[in-house]
Amino acid sequence: MPVVELFTSEGCSSCPPADRWLSGLSGEMRSSPLSVLAYHVDYWDYIGWRDRFADPAHGRRHQRHVAASGGRIRYTPQVFVDGREYTAWRNGTRPATNLKPQLSLEATLTSLAPDRVIKLGLAGGGQASHPASLTVALTENSLSSEVAAGENAGRRLAHDFVVRDIADQALASADFRTEVALRLPPDAQPQLTSVVVIVRDRQLRTLQSMVMPLCDG
């Protein structure tokens, strides 16, 4: 399924409309499935509000996305669909869901330990000629923050699909078996969390992706 990625920040006054657009994608997930991720970046924290969901690694990932799509400047909010910048979100357009899978993908939750470490068994197979990377993320829905400073001071911001942990592995072949471990943050709720699995080529184009709930609750 197609992959939609938003780079956003609670310290950016332009970001709430993009956050709302992203949340709105959940309404049609059953008929038109998507893999959706919201990366909160930390490079606006200096303005006066520290985004509690931000991670410096998300900013580096943002720069890689910009470079892979042929751009030069990263900004927020910025949306990518299957590795390419997507500006049609501004007029409410939902991404197309006609991506043709390039390989098969299976994921099995092997354990959810008391220390909140999640282990996943992953396997892929197919004829894709240039698989480059495997990305596995935990995303959480129904989050919110009361912002007390910065550009969004006084606002209550709601978020969905927030990346809480993420791991990448290089792939040498479309046929692979591997295991990935992620950690659910102490404040994250398992029943609101999903696992997103993505296989991409060297230009960050999606070869295959899938989403599975962390638990059935």
N, C-alpha and C. Protein backbone atom coordinates (compact mmCIF):
# COMPACT_ATOMS: atom_id res chain seq x y z
N MET A 1 0.84 -1.19 0.00
CA MET A 1 0.00 0.00 0.00
C MET A 1 0.88 1.25 0.00
N PRO A 2 0.37 2.38 -0.48
CA PRO A 2 1.16 3.61 -0.52
C PRO A 2 1.56 4.08 0.88
N VAL A 3 2.66 4.83 0.94
CA VAL A 3 3.18 5.35 2.20
C VAL A 3 3.06 6.87 2.19
N VAL A 4 2.41 7.41 3.21
CA VAL A 4 2.25 8.85 3.38
C VAL A 4 3.04 9.26 4.61
N GLU A 5 3.94 10.23 4.45
CA GLU A 5 4.79 10.67 5.55
C GLU A 5 4.71 12.19 5.69
N LEU A 6 4.45 12.63 6.91
CA LEU A 6 4.40 14.05 7.23
C LEU A 6 5.53 14.39 8.18
N PHE A 7 6.24 15.46 7.88
CA PHE A 7 7.23 16.02 8.80
C PHE A 7 6.60 17.28 9.39
N THR A 8 6.50 17.31 10.72
CA THR A 8 5.71 18.32 11.40
C THR A 8 6.36 18.71 12.71
N SER A 9 5.80 19.73 13.37
CA SER A 9 6.32 20.17 14.66
C SER A 9 5.25 20.93 15.41
N GLU A 10 5.18 20.69 16.73
CA GLU A 10 4.26 21.47 17.55
C GLU A 10 4.72 22.91 17.68
N GLY A 11 5.96 23.21 17.34
CA GLY A 11 6.46 24.57 17.41
C GLY A 11 6.26 25.37 16.14
N CYS A 12 5.57 24.80 15.16
CA CYS A 12 5.38 25.43 13.84
C CYS A 12 3.91 25.79 13.68
N SER A 13 3.61 27.08 13.50
CA SER A 13 2.21 27.52 13.39
C SER A 13 1.56 27.10 12.08
N SER A 14 2.34 26.70 11.09
CA SER A 14 1.79 26.25 9.81
C SER A 14 1.41 24.77 9.82
N CYS A 15 1.79 24.05 10.88
CA CYS A 15 1.64 22.59 10.88
C CYS A 15 0.26 22.06 11.26
N PRO A 16 -0.51 22.70 12.13
CA PRO A 16 -1.80 22.11 12.51
C PRO A 16 -2.72 21.75 11.35
N PRO A 17 -2.82 22.55 10.27
CA PRO A 17 -3.67 22.11 9.15
C PRO A 17 -3.20 20.79 8.53
N ALA A 18 -1.89 20.60 8.44
CA ALA A 18 -1.37 19.34 7.90
C ALA A 18 -1.64 18.18 8.85
N ASP A 19 -1.53 18.44 10.15
CA ASP A 19 -1.85 17.40 11.14
C ASP A 19 -3.31 16.97 11.00
N ARG A 20 -4.19 17.95 10.82
CA ARG A 20 -5.62 17.63 10.68
C ARG A 20 -5.88 16.85 9.38
N TRP A 21 -5.22 17.25 8.31
CA TRP A 21 -5.38 16.52 7.05
C TRP A 21 -4.94 15.07 7.21
N LEU A 22 -3.81 14.88 7.88
CA LEU A 22 -3.29 13.52 8.07
C LEU A 22 -4.27 12.70 8.91
N SER A 23 -4.79 13.29 9.98
CA SER A 23 -5.75 12.57 10.81
C SER A 23 -6.99 12.18 10.01
N GLY A 24 -7.37 13.03 9.07
CA GLY A 24 -8.55 12.75 8.26
C GLY A 24 -8.40 11.55 7.35
N LEU A 25 -7.17 11.13 7.08
CA LEU A 25 -6.96 9.96 6.23
C LEU A 25 -7.49 8.68 6.86
N SER A 26 -7.58 8.68 8.18
CA SER A 26 -8.01 7.45 8.87
C SER A 26 -9.45 7.08 8.56
N GLY A 27 -10.26 8.04 8.14
CA GLY A 27 -11.66 7.77 7.89
C GLY A 27 -11.94 6.83 6.74
N GLU A 28 -10.99 6.70 5.81
CA GLU A 28 -11.21 5.85 4.64
C GLU A 28 -10.21 4.70 4.56
N MET A 29 -9.60 4.37 5.68
CA MET A 29 -8.53 3.37 5.66
C MET A 29 -9.00 1.99 5.22
N ARG A 30 -10.22 1.61 5.58
CA ARG A 30 -10.66 0.26 5.25
C ARG A 30 -10.86 0.08 3.75
N SER A 31 -11.40 1.09 3.09
CA SER A 31 -11.64 0.98 1.65
C SER A 31 -10.42 1.35 0.83
N SER A 32 -9.58 2.25 1.36
CA SER A 32 -8.39 2.71 0.63
C SER A 32 -7.21 2.75 1.59
N PRO A 33 -6.61 1.60 1.88
CA PRO A 33 -5.57 1.55 2.91
C PRO A 33 -4.31 2.30 2.54
N LEU A 34 -3.71 2.90 3.57
CA LEU A 34 -2.45 3.63 3.44
C LEU A 34 -1.58 3.30 4.65
N SER A 35 -0.27 3.42 4.47
CA SER A 35 0.66 3.41 5.59
C SER A 35 1.01 4.86 5.88
N VAL A 36 0.69 5.33 7.08
CA VAL A 36 0.79 6.76 7.40
C VAL A 36 1.71 6.95 8.60
N LEU A 37 2.63 7.91 8.48
CA LEU A 37 3.57 8.21 9.56
C LEU A 37 3.72 9.72 9.71
N ALA A 38 3.73 10.19 10.95
CA ALA A 38 3.98 11.60 11.25
C ALA A 38 5.26 11.70 12.08
N TYR A 39 6.27 12.31 11.49
CA TYR A 39 7.56 12.50 12.17
C TYR A 39 7.59 13.91 12.76
N HIS A 40 7.74 14.00 14.07
CA HIS A 40 7.88 15.31 14.70
C HIS A 40 9.36 15.66 14.79
N VAL A 41 9.73 16.78 14.19
CA VAL A 41 11.13 17.20 14.14
C VAL A 41 11.42 18.17 15.29
N ASP A 42 12.69 18.26 15.64
CA ASP A 42 13.07 19.08 16.80
C ASP A 42 13.68 20.42 16.43
N TYR A 43 13.83 20.72 15.13
CA TYR A 43 14.59 21.92 14.78
C TYR A 43 13.81 23.22 14.94
N TRP A 44 12.55 23.14 15.39
CA TRP A 44 11.81 24.35 15.75
C TRP A 44 11.69 24.51 17.26
N ASP A 45 12.27 23.60 18.02
CA ASP A 45 12.14 23.68 19.48
C ASP A 45 12.72 24.98 20.04
N TYR A 46 13.71 25.54 19.35
CA TYR A 46 14.38 26.74 19.86
C TYR A 46 13.45 27.95 19.91
N ILE A 47 12.35 27.91 19.16
CA ILE A 47 11.44 29.05 19.11
C ILE A 47 10.77 29.28 20.47
N GLY A 48 10.66 28.23 21.27
CA GLY A 48 10.09 28.43 22.59
C GLY A 48 9.27 27.27 23.12
N TRP A 49 8.97 26.28 22.27
CA TRP A 49 8.19 25.13 22.71
C TRP A 49 8.91 23.85 22.32
N ARG A 50 9.14 22.99 23.30
CA ARG A 50 9.80 21.71 23.05
C ARG A 50 8.75 20.67 22.72
N ASP A 51 8.75 20.19 21.50
CA ASP A 51 7.81 19.16 21.05
C ASP A 51 8.18 17.83 21.71
N ARG A 52 7.28 17.29 22.53
CA ARG A 52 7.60 16.07 23.28
C ARG A 52 7.68 14.83 22.41
N PHE A 53 7.19 14.92 21.17
CA PHE A 53 7.26 13.78 20.26
C PHE A 53 8.43 13.88 19.28
N ALA A 54 9.20 14.95 19.40
CA ALA A 54 10.28 15.19 18.43
C ALA A 54 11.50 14.34 18.73
N ASP A 55 12.25 14.08 17.66
CA ASP A 55 13.49 13.30 17.75
C ASP A 55 14.46 13.88 16.73
N PRO A 56 15.71 14.16 17.14
CA PRO A 56 16.69 14.67 16.16
C PRO A 56 16.84 13.77 14.94
N ALA A 57 16.65 12.47 15.12
CA ALA A 57 16.77 11.54 13.99
C ALA A 57 15.71 11.80 12.93
N HIS A 58 14.55 12.32 13.34
CA HIS A 58 13.51 12.61 12.37
C HIS A 58 13.93 13.76 11.45
N GLY A 59 14.67 14.71 11.99
CA GLY A 59 15.17 15.80 11.15
C GLY A 59 16.17 15.30 10.12
N ARG A 60 17.02 14.36 10.51
CA ARG A 60 17.97 13.78 9.56
C ARG A 60 17.23 12.96 8.50
N ARG A 61 16.20 12.24 8.91
CA ARG A 61 15.39 11.48 7.96
C ARG A 61 14.72 12.44 6.98
N HIS A 62 14.24 13.56 7.50
CA HIS A 62 13.61 14.57 6.66
C HIS A 62 14.57 15.04 5.56
N GLN A 63 15.81 15.32 5.94
CA GLN A 63 16.79 15.78 4.95
C GLN A 63 17.05 14.72 3.89
N ARG A 64 17.09 13.46 4.29
CA ARG A 64 17.29 12.38 3.31
C ARG A 64 16.12 12.30 2.34
N HIS A 65 14.92 12.48 2.85
CA HIS A 65 13.74 12.47 1.97
C HIS A 65 13.81 13.61 0.96
N VAL A 66 14.18 14.77 1.43
CA VAL A 66 14.28 15.93 0.53
C VAL A 66 15.30 15.66 -0.57
N ALA A 67 16.47 15.16 -0.18
CA ALA A 67 17.52 14.88 -1.16
C ALA A 67 17.09 13.81 -2.15
N ALA A 68 16.45 12.75 -1.67
CA ALA A 68 16.04 11.65 -2.56
C ALA A 68 14.98 12.08 -3.55
N SER A 69 14.17 13.07 -3.18
CA SER A 69 13.12 13.53 -4.08
C SER A 69 13.58 14.67 -4.99
N GLY A 70 14.88 15.00 -4.92
CA GLY A 70 15.42 16.02 -5.79
C GLY A 70 15.31 17.44 -5.27
N GLY A 71 14.92 17.59 -4.01
CA GLY A 71 14.79 18.92 -3.43
C GLY A 71 16.06 19.37 -2.74
N ARG A 72 16.00 20.59 -2.21
CA ARG A 72 17.14 21.15 -1.50
C ARG A 72 16.80 21.59 -0.09
N ILE A 73 15.58 22.04 0.10
CA ILE A 73 15.20 22.68 1.35
C ILE A 73 14.14 21.85 2.07
N ARG A 74 14.36 21.60 3.33
CA ARG A 74 13.35 20.96 4.15
C ARG A 74 12.55 22.05 4.87
N TYR A 75 11.29 21.79 5.06
CA TYR A 75 10.42 22.74 5.75
C TYR A 75 9.28 21.98 6.38
N THR A 76 8.57 22.63 7.26
CA THR A 76 7.38 22.02 7.86
C THR A 76 6.19 22.93 7.63
N PRO A 77 5.02 22.34 7.39
CA PRO A 77 4.80 20.90 7.20
C PRO A 77 5.20 20.48 5.79
N GLN A 78 5.76 19.31 5.67
CA GLN A 78 6.13 18.77 4.35
C GLN A 78 5.65 17.32 4.29
N VAL A 79 4.94 17.00 3.22
CA VAL A 79 4.35 15.68 3.03
C VAL A 79 5.03 14.97 1.87
N PHE A 80 5.29 13.69 2.05
CA PHE A 80 5.83 12.84 0.99
C PHE A 80 4.91 11.64 0.82
N VAL A 81 4.67 11.27 -0.43
CA VAL A 81 3.92 10.06 -0.75
C VAL A 81 4.82 9.17 -1.58
N ASP A 82 5.12 8.00 -1.06
CA ASP A 82 6.02 7.06 -1.73
C ASP A 82 7.34 7.72 -2.11
N GLY A 83 7.86 8.54 -1.18
CA GLY A 83 9.17 9.14 -1.36
C GLY A 83 9.22 10.40 -2.19
N ARG A 84 8.08 10.89 -2.66
CA ARG A 84 8.05 12.10 -3.47
C ARG A 84 7.20 13.16 -2.78
N GLU A 85 7.65 14.42 -2.87
CA GLU A 85 6.91 15.48 -2.21
C GLU A 85 5.48 15.56 -2.75
N TYR A 86 4.55 15.77 -1.83
CA TYR A 86 3.12 15.78 -2.17
C TYR A 86 2.52 17.07 -1.62
N THR A 87 2.21 18.00 -2.51
CA THR A 87 1.67 19.30 -2.08
C THR A 87 0.16 19.39 -2.20
N ALA A 88 -0.48 18.39 -2.82
CA ALA A 88 -1.93 18.45 -3.02
C ALA A 88 -2.70 18.31 -1.71
N TRP A 89 -2.03 17.97 -0.62
CA TRP A 89 -2.72 17.90 0.67
C TRP A 89 -3.31 19.25 1.03
N ARG A 90 -2.69 20.33 0.53
CA ARG A 90 -3.14 21.68 0.89
C ARG A 90 -4.56 21.96 0.43
N ASN A 91 -5.01 21.31 -0.64
CA ASN A 91 -6.40 21.49 -1.06
C ASN A 91 -7.26 20.27 -0.69
N GLY A 92 -6.77 19.50 0.28
CA GLY A 92 -7.56 18.40 0.83
C GLY A 92 -7.54 17.11 0.04
N THR A 93 -6.70 17.02 -0.97
CA THR A 93 -6.68 15.84 -1.82
C THR A 93 -6.06 14.64 -1.11
N ARG A 94 -6.75 13.52 -1.20
CA ARG A 94 -6.25 12.28 -0.62
C ARG A 94 -5.37 11.56 -1.64
N PRO A 95 -4.23 11.00 -1.23
CA PRO A 95 -3.35 10.31 -2.18
C PRO A 95 -4.04 9.11 -2.82
N ALA A 96 -3.67 8.83 -4.05
CA ALA A 96 -4.19 7.64 -4.73
C ALA A 96 -3.66 6.38 -4.05
N THR A 97 -4.40 5.30 -4.18
CA THR A 97 -4.02 4.05 -3.50
C THR A 97 -3.81 2.92 -4.50
N ASN A 98 -3.33 3.26 -5.68
CA ASN A 98 -3.18 2.25 -6.73
C ASN A 98 -1.75 1.76 -6.89
N LEU A 99 -0.98 1.80 -5.80
CA LEU A 99 0.39 1.30 -5.85
C LEU A 99 0.41 -0.20 -6.13
N LYS A 100 1.22 -0.61 -7.08
CA LYS A 100 1.37 -2.03 -7.40
C LYS A 100 2.51 -2.61 -6.57
N PRO A 101 2.24 -3.57 -5.68
CA PRO A 101 3.30 -4.15 -4.85
C PRO A 101 4.38 -4.80 -5.70
N GLN A 102 5.63 -4.61 -5.28
CA GLN A 102 6.77 -5.19 -5.99
C GLN A 102 7.29 -6.46 -5.32
N LEU A 103 6.78 -6.77 -4.14
CA LEU A 103 7.21 -7.98 -3.44
C LEU A 103 6.17 -8.34 -2.40
N SER A 104 6.26 -9.55 -1.88
CA SER A 104 5.39 -9.97 -0.79
C SER A 104 6.04 -9.61 0.54
N LEU A 105 5.23 -9.43 1.56
CA LEU A 105 5.75 -9.00 2.85
C LEU A 105 4.90 -9.62 3.95
N GLU A 106 5.58 -10.23 4.91
CA GLU A 106 4.91 -10.84 6.05
C GLU A 106 5.56 -10.33 7.33
N ALA A 107 4.74 -10.09 8.34
CA ALA A 107 5.24 -9.65 9.64
C ALA A 107 4.52 -10.40 10.74
N THR A 108 5.28 -10.85 11.73
CA THR A 108 4.72 -11.58 12.86
C THR A 108 5.24 -10.97 14.15
N LEU A 109 4.32 -10.61 15.02
CA LEU A 109 4.72 -10.12 16.33
C LEU A 109 5.14 -11.31 17.18
N THR A 110 6.44 -11.39 17.47
CA THR A 110 6.94 -12.56 18.19
C THR A 110 6.90 -12.38 19.70
N SER A 111 6.95 -11.13 20.18
CA SER A 111 6.86 -10.93 21.62
C SER A 111 6.62 -9.47 21.95
N LEU A 112 5.92 -9.24 23.06
CA LEU A 112 5.77 -7.91 23.66
C LEU A 112 6.18 -8.08 25.11
N ALA A 113 7.43 -7.76 25.40
CA ALA A 113 8.03 -8.06 26.69
C ALA A 113 7.56 -7.07 27.76
N PRO A 114 7.70 -7.44 29.05
CA PRO A 114 7.33 -6.52 30.13
C PRO A 114 8.08 -5.19 30.08
N ASP A 115 9.28 -5.19 29.52
CA ASP A 115 10.03 -3.94 29.40
C ASP A 115 9.61 -3.14 28.17
N ARG A 116 8.51 -3.55 27.54
CA ARG A 116 7.90 -2.86 26.40
C ARG A 116 8.74 -2.95 25.13
N VAL A 117 9.64 -3.92 25.09
CA VAL A 117 10.38 -4.20 23.86
C VAL A 117 9.52 -5.11 22.98
N ILE A 118 9.35 -4.72 21.75
CA ILE A 118 8.52 -5.45 20.79
C ILE A 118 9.44 -6.09 19.76
N LYS A 119 9.31 -7.39 19.57
CA LYS A 119 10.11 -8.08 18.56
C LYS A 119 9.21 -8.56 17.44
N LEU A 120 9.67 -8.30 16.22
CA LEU A 120 8.89 -8.65 15.04
C LEU A 120 9.72 -9.53 14.12
N GLY A 121 9.13 -10.62 13.66
CA GLY A 121 9.74 -11.42 12.62
C GLY A 121 9.22 -10.96 11.27
N LEU A 122 10.12 -10.71 10.33
CA LEU A 122 9.75 -10.16 9.03
C LEU A 122 10.32 -11.00 7.90
N ALA A 123 9.54 -11.15 6.83
CA ALA A 123 9.99 -11.91 5.67
C ALA A 123 9.46 -11.26 4.41
N GLY A 124 10.30 -11.23 3.38
CA GLY A 124 9.90 -10.69 2.09
C GLY A 124 10.30 -11.63 0.98
N GLY A 125 9.60 -11.50 -0.14
CA GLY A 125 9.93 -12.31 -1.30
C GLY A 125 9.36 -11.70 -2.56
N GLY A 126 10.06 -11.90 -3.67
CA GLY A 126 9.56 -11.36 -4.93
C GLY A 126 10.67 -11.08 -5.90
N GLN A 127 10.33 -10.33 -6.94
CA GLN A 127 11.26 -10.07 -8.04
C GLN A 127 11.76 -8.64 -8.08
N ALA A 128 11.50 -7.86 -7.03
CA ALA A 128 11.98 -6.48 -7.03
C ALA A 128 13.49 -6.46 -7.20
N SER A 129 13.97 -5.66 -8.13
CA SER A 129 15.39 -5.71 -8.49
C SER A 129 16.27 -4.83 -7.62
N HIS A 130 15.72 -3.81 -6.99
CA HIS A 130 16.58 -2.89 -6.25
C HIS A 130 16.02 -2.56 -4.86
N PRO A 131 15.69 -3.55 -4.05
CA PRO A 131 15.30 -3.22 -2.68
C PRO A 131 16.50 -2.65 -1.95
N ALA A 132 16.29 -1.63 -1.16
CA ALA A 132 17.41 -0.99 -0.49
C ALA A 132 17.27 -0.98 1.01
N SER A 133 16.05 -0.83 1.51
CA SER A 133 15.91 -0.67 2.95
C SER A 133 14.57 -1.16 3.46
N LEU A 134 14.61 -1.59 4.70
CA LEU A 134 13.43 -2.00 5.44
C LEU A 134 13.26 -1.01 6.59
N THR A 135 12.07 -0.46 6.73
CA THR A 135 11.76 0.45 7.82
C THR A 135 10.60 -0.11 8.61
N VAL A 136 10.75 -0.14 9.93
CA VAL A 136 9.68 -0.60 10.81
C VAL A 136 9.47 0.47 11.87
N ALA A 137 8.22 0.89 12.04
CA ALA A 137 7.92 1.98 12.98
C ALA A 137 6.72 1.63 13.84
N LEU A 138 6.71 2.20 15.04
CA LEU A 138 5.54 2.20 15.89
C LEU A 138 4.89 3.57 15.78
N THR A 139 3.61 3.60 15.43
CA THR A 139 2.88 4.87 15.35
C THR A 139 1.70 4.84 16.31
N GLU A 140 1.43 5.98 16.92
CA GLU A 140 0.35 6.06 17.91
C GLU A 140 -0.66 7.11 17.51
N ASN A 141 -1.94 6.82 17.75
CA ASN A 141 -3.04 7.72 17.45
C ASN A 141 -3.60 8.36 18.71
N SER A 142 -4.47 9.35 18.49
CA SER A 142 -5.26 9.99 19.56
C SER A 142 -4.38 10.64 20.61
N LEU A 143 -3.35 11.34 20.17
CA LEU A 143 -2.46 12.07 21.06
C LEU A 143 -2.81 13.56 21.01
N SER A 144 -2.46 14.28 22.06
CA SER A 144 -2.69 15.73 22.07
C SER A 144 -1.73 16.41 23.02
N SER A 145 -1.54 17.70 22.80
CA SER A 145 -0.68 18.51 23.66
C SER A 145 -1.33 19.87 23.87
N GLU A 146 -1.23 20.38 25.09
CA GLU A 146 -1.61 21.76 25.38
C GLU A 146 -0.35 22.60 25.27
N VAL A 147 -0.26 23.38 24.23
CA VAL A 147 0.97 24.12 23.94
C VAL A 147 0.97 25.43 24.71
N ALA A 148 2.01 25.66 25.50
CA ALA A 148 2.05 26.82 26.39
C ALA A 148 2.99 27.92 25.92
N ALA A 149 3.75 27.68 24.86
CA ALA A 149 4.72 28.69 24.41
C ALA A 149 4.96 28.50 22.91
N GLY A 150 5.72 29.44 22.34
CA GLY A 150 6.05 29.33 20.92
C GLY A 150 4.92 29.78 20.01
N GLU A 151 5.02 29.43 18.74
CA GLU A 151 4.07 29.92 17.73
C GLU A 151 2.65 29.43 17.95
N ASN A 152 2.49 28.27 18.60
CA ASN A 152 1.16 27.71 18.83
C ASN A 152 0.70 27.87 20.27
N ALA A 153 1.25 28.84 20.98
CA ALA A 153 0.91 29.04 22.39
C ALA A 153 -0.60 29.21 22.57
N GLY A 154 -1.14 28.51 23.57
CA GLY A 154 -2.56 28.60 23.87
C GLY A 154 -3.43 27.65 23.09
N ARG A 155 -2.84 26.84 22.23
CA ARG A 155 -3.62 25.92 21.40
C ARG A 155 -3.49 24.49 21.91
N ARG A 156 -4.56 23.74 21.71
CA ARG A 156 -4.52 22.30 21.96
C ARG A 156 -4.35 21.62 20.61
N LEU A 157 -3.25 20.90 20.45
CA LEU A 157 -2.94 20.26 19.18
C LEU A 157 -3.19 18.76 19.27
N ALA A 158 -3.92 18.24 18.29
CA ALA A 158 -4.23 16.81 18.23
C ALA A 158 -3.39 16.15 17.15
N HIS A 159 -2.95 14.92 17.42
CA HIS A 159 -2.06 14.21 16.49
C HIS A 159 -2.48 12.75 16.34
N ASP A 160 -2.30 12.23 15.14
CA ASP A 160 -2.44 10.80 14.87
C ASP A 160 -1.22 10.33 14.08
N PHE A 161 -1.01 9.03 14.08
CA PHE A 161 0.06 8.38 13.31
C PHE A 161 1.46 8.86 13.73
N VAL A 162 1.60 9.26 15.00
CA VAL A 162 2.87 9.81 15.47
C VAL A 162 3.90 8.69 15.63
N VAL A 163 5.06 8.86 15.04
CA VAL A 163 6.13 7.87 15.14
C VAL A 163 6.71 7.92 16.55
N ARG A 164 6.61 6.80 17.28
CA ARG A 164 7.13 6.72 18.64
C ARG A 164 8.46 5.97 18.71
N ASP A 165 8.70 5.07 17.79
CA ASP A 165 10.02 4.43 17.65
C ASP A 165 10.12 3.93 16.22
N ILE A 166 11.36 3.82 15.74
CA ILE A 166 11.56 3.44 14.34
C ILE A 166 12.93 2.79 14.18
N ALA A 167 13.02 1.85 13.26
CA ALA A 167 14.28 1.17 12.98
C ALA A 167 14.40 0.94 11.48
N ASP A 168 15.62 1.01 10.98
CA ASP A 168 15.91 0.78 9.57
C ASP A 168 16.94 -0.33 9.42
N GLN A 169 16.78 -1.12 8.37
CA GLN A 169 17.78 -2.14 8.02
C GLN A 169 18.03 -2.08 6.52
N ALA A 170 19.29 -2.24 6.13
CA ALA A 170 19.62 -2.35 4.71
C ALA A 170 19.23 -3.73 4.22
N LEU A 171 18.80 -3.80 2.96
CA LEU A 171 18.44 -5.08 2.34
C LEU A 171 19.31 -5.32 1.12
N ALA A 172 19.77 -6.56 0.98
CA ALA A 172 20.56 -6.93 -0.20
C ALA A 172 19.72 -7.62 -1.25
N SER A 173 18.52 -8.07 -0.85
CA SER A 173 17.68 -8.84 -1.76
C SER A 173 16.22 -8.68 -1.38
N ALA A 174 15.34 -8.92 -2.35
CA ALA A 174 13.90 -8.90 -2.07
C ALA A 174 13.47 -10.12 -1.27
N ASP A 175 14.29 -11.15 -1.27
CA ASP A 175 14.03 -12.34 -0.45
C ASP A 175 14.82 -12.22 0.84
N PHE A 176 14.12 -12.02 1.94
CA PHE A 176 14.83 -11.81 3.21
C PHE A 176 14.01 -12.34 4.37
N ARG A 177 14.71 -12.65 5.43
CA ARG A 177 14.11 -12.94 6.73
C ARG A 177 14.94 -12.22 7.78
N THR A 178 14.27 -11.55 8.68
CA THR A 178 15.01 -10.79 9.69
C THR A 178 14.11 -10.58 10.90
N GLU A 179 14.70 -10.06 11.95
CA GLU A 179 13.96 -9.71 13.16
C GLU A 179 14.31 -8.29 13.54
N VAL A 180 13.32 -7.55 13.98
CA VAL A 180 13.50 -6.15 14.37
C VAL A 180 12.92 -5.97 15.77
N ALA A 181 13.65 -5.23 16.60
CA ALA A 181 13.18 -4.92 17.96
C ALA A 181 12.91 -3.42 18.08
N LEU A 182 11.77 -3.08 18.62
CA LEU A 182 11.41 -1.69 18.89
C LEU A 182 10.96 -1.59 20.34
N ARG A 183 11.03 -0.37 20.86
CA ARG A 183 10.60 -0.16 22.25
C ARG A 183 9.43 0.82 22.29
N LEU A 184 8.36 0.39 22.94
CA LEU A 184 7.21 1.26 23.12
C LEU A 184 7.49 2.22 24.27
N PRO A 185 7.41 3.53 24.05
CA PRO A 185 7.70 4.49 25.12
C PRO A 185 6.79 4.28 26.33
N PRO A 186 7.24 4.68 27.52
CA PRO A 186 6.45 4.46 28.73
C PRO A 186 5.06 5.10 28.68
N ASP A 187 4.93 6.23 27.98
CA ASP A 187 3.65 6.92 27.95
C ASP A 187 2.75 6.49 26.80
N ALA A 188 3.22 5.57 25.96
CA ALA A 188 2.43 5.14 24.80
C ALA A 188 1.43 4.06 25.21
N GLN A 189 0.26 4.08 24.58
CA GLN A 189 -0.79 3.11 24.86
C GLN A 189 -0.81 2.04 23.78
N PRO A 190 -0.56 0.78 24.13
CA PRO A 190 -0.51 -0.29 23.12
C PRO A 190 -1.76 -0.38 22.26
N GLN A 191 -2.93 -0.14 22.84
CA GLN A 191 -4.18 -0.28 22.09
C GLN A 191 -4.36 0.82 21.05
N LEU A 192 -3.56 1.88 21.14
CA LEU A 192 -3.63 2.98 20.16
C LEU A 192 -2.44 2.95 19.21
N THR A 193 -1.63 1.91 19.30
CA THR A 193 -0.38 1.84 18.56
C THR A 193 -0.45 0.81 17.44
N SER A 194 0.16 1.14 16.32
CA SER A 194 0.25 0.23 15.17
C SER A 194 1.71 0.04 14.78
N VAL A 195 1.96 -1.06 14.08
CA VAL A 195 3.28 -1.34 13.51
C VAL A 195 3.19 -1.09 12.01
N VAL A 196 4.08 -0.26 11.50
CA VAL A 196 4.16 0.03 10.07
C VAL A 196 5.45 -0.57 9.52
N VAL A 197 5.35 -1.33 8.45
CA VAL A 197 6.51 -1.96 7.82
C VAL A 197 6.58 -1.48 6.37
N ILE A 198 7.77 -1.01 5.97
CA ILE A 198 7.95 -0.45 4.62
C ILE A 198 9.22 -1.01 4.01
N VAL A 199 9.15 -1.42 2.75
CA VAL A 199 10.34 -1.77 1.96
C VAL A 199 10.43 -0.76 0.82
N ARG A 200 11.61 -0.16 0.66
CA ARG A 200 11.81 0.89 -0.35
C ARG A 200 12.98 0.55 -1.26
N ASP A 201 13.04 1.28 -2.39
CA ASP A 201 14.22 1.19 -3.23
C ASP A 201 15.18 2.31 -2.86
N ARG A 202 16.24 2.47 -3.63
CA ARG A 202 17.29 3.44 -3.28
C ARG A 202 16.81 4.89 -3.38
N GLN A 203 15.77 5.12 -4.14
CA GLN A 203 15.21 6.47 -4.27
C GLN A 203 14.05 6.69 -3.30
N LEU A 204 13.91 5.79 -2.33
CA LEU A 204 12.87 5.84 -1.30
C LEU A 204 11.47 5.61 -1.84
N ARG A 205 11.37 5.10 -3.06
CA ARG A 205 10.06 4.73 -3.58
C ARG A 205 9.59 3.44 -2.90
N THR A 206 8.31 3.36 -2.64
CA THR A 206 7.73 2.22 -1.94
C THR A 206 7.64 1.00 -2.84
N LEU A 207 8.19 -0.11 -2.37
CA LEU A 207 8.02 -1.39 -3.05
C LEU A 207 6.86 -2.18 -2.43
N GLN A 208 6.71 -2.07 -1.12
CA GLN A 208 5.60 -2.71 -0.42
C GLN A 208 5.55 -2.13 0.99
N SER A 209 4.35 -2.12 1.56
CA SER A 209 4.20 -1.70 2.95
C SER A 209 2.99 -2.40 3.55
N MET A 210 2.93 -2.39 4.88
CA MET A 210 1.80 -2.98 5.57
C MET A 210 1.67 -2.33 6.94
N VAL A 211 0.47 -2.43 7.50
CA VAL A 211 0.19 -1.90 8.83
C VAL A 211 -0.53 -2.98 9.62
N MET A 212 -0.13 -3.15 10.87
CA MET A 212 -0.82 -4.10 11.74
C MET A 212 -0.96 -3.49 13.13
N PRO A 213 -2.10 -3.71 13.80
CA PRO A 213 -2.26 -3.19 15.16
C PRO A 213 -1.33 -3.91 16.11
N LEU A 214 -0.84 -3.17 17.11
CA LEU A 214 0.04 -3.79 18.09
C LEU A 214 -0.74 -4.78 18.96
N CYS A 215 -1.98 -4.46 19.24
CA CYS A 215 -2.82 -5.38 20.00
C CYS A 215 -4.25 -5.20 19.53
N ASP A 216 -5.12 -6.11 19.92
CA ASP A 216 -6.50 -6.10 19.45
C ASP A 216 -7.43 -5.28 20.32
N GLY A 217 -6.85 -4.68 21.39
CA GLY A 217 -7.71 -3.95 22.31
C GLY A 217 -8.20 -2.63 21.77
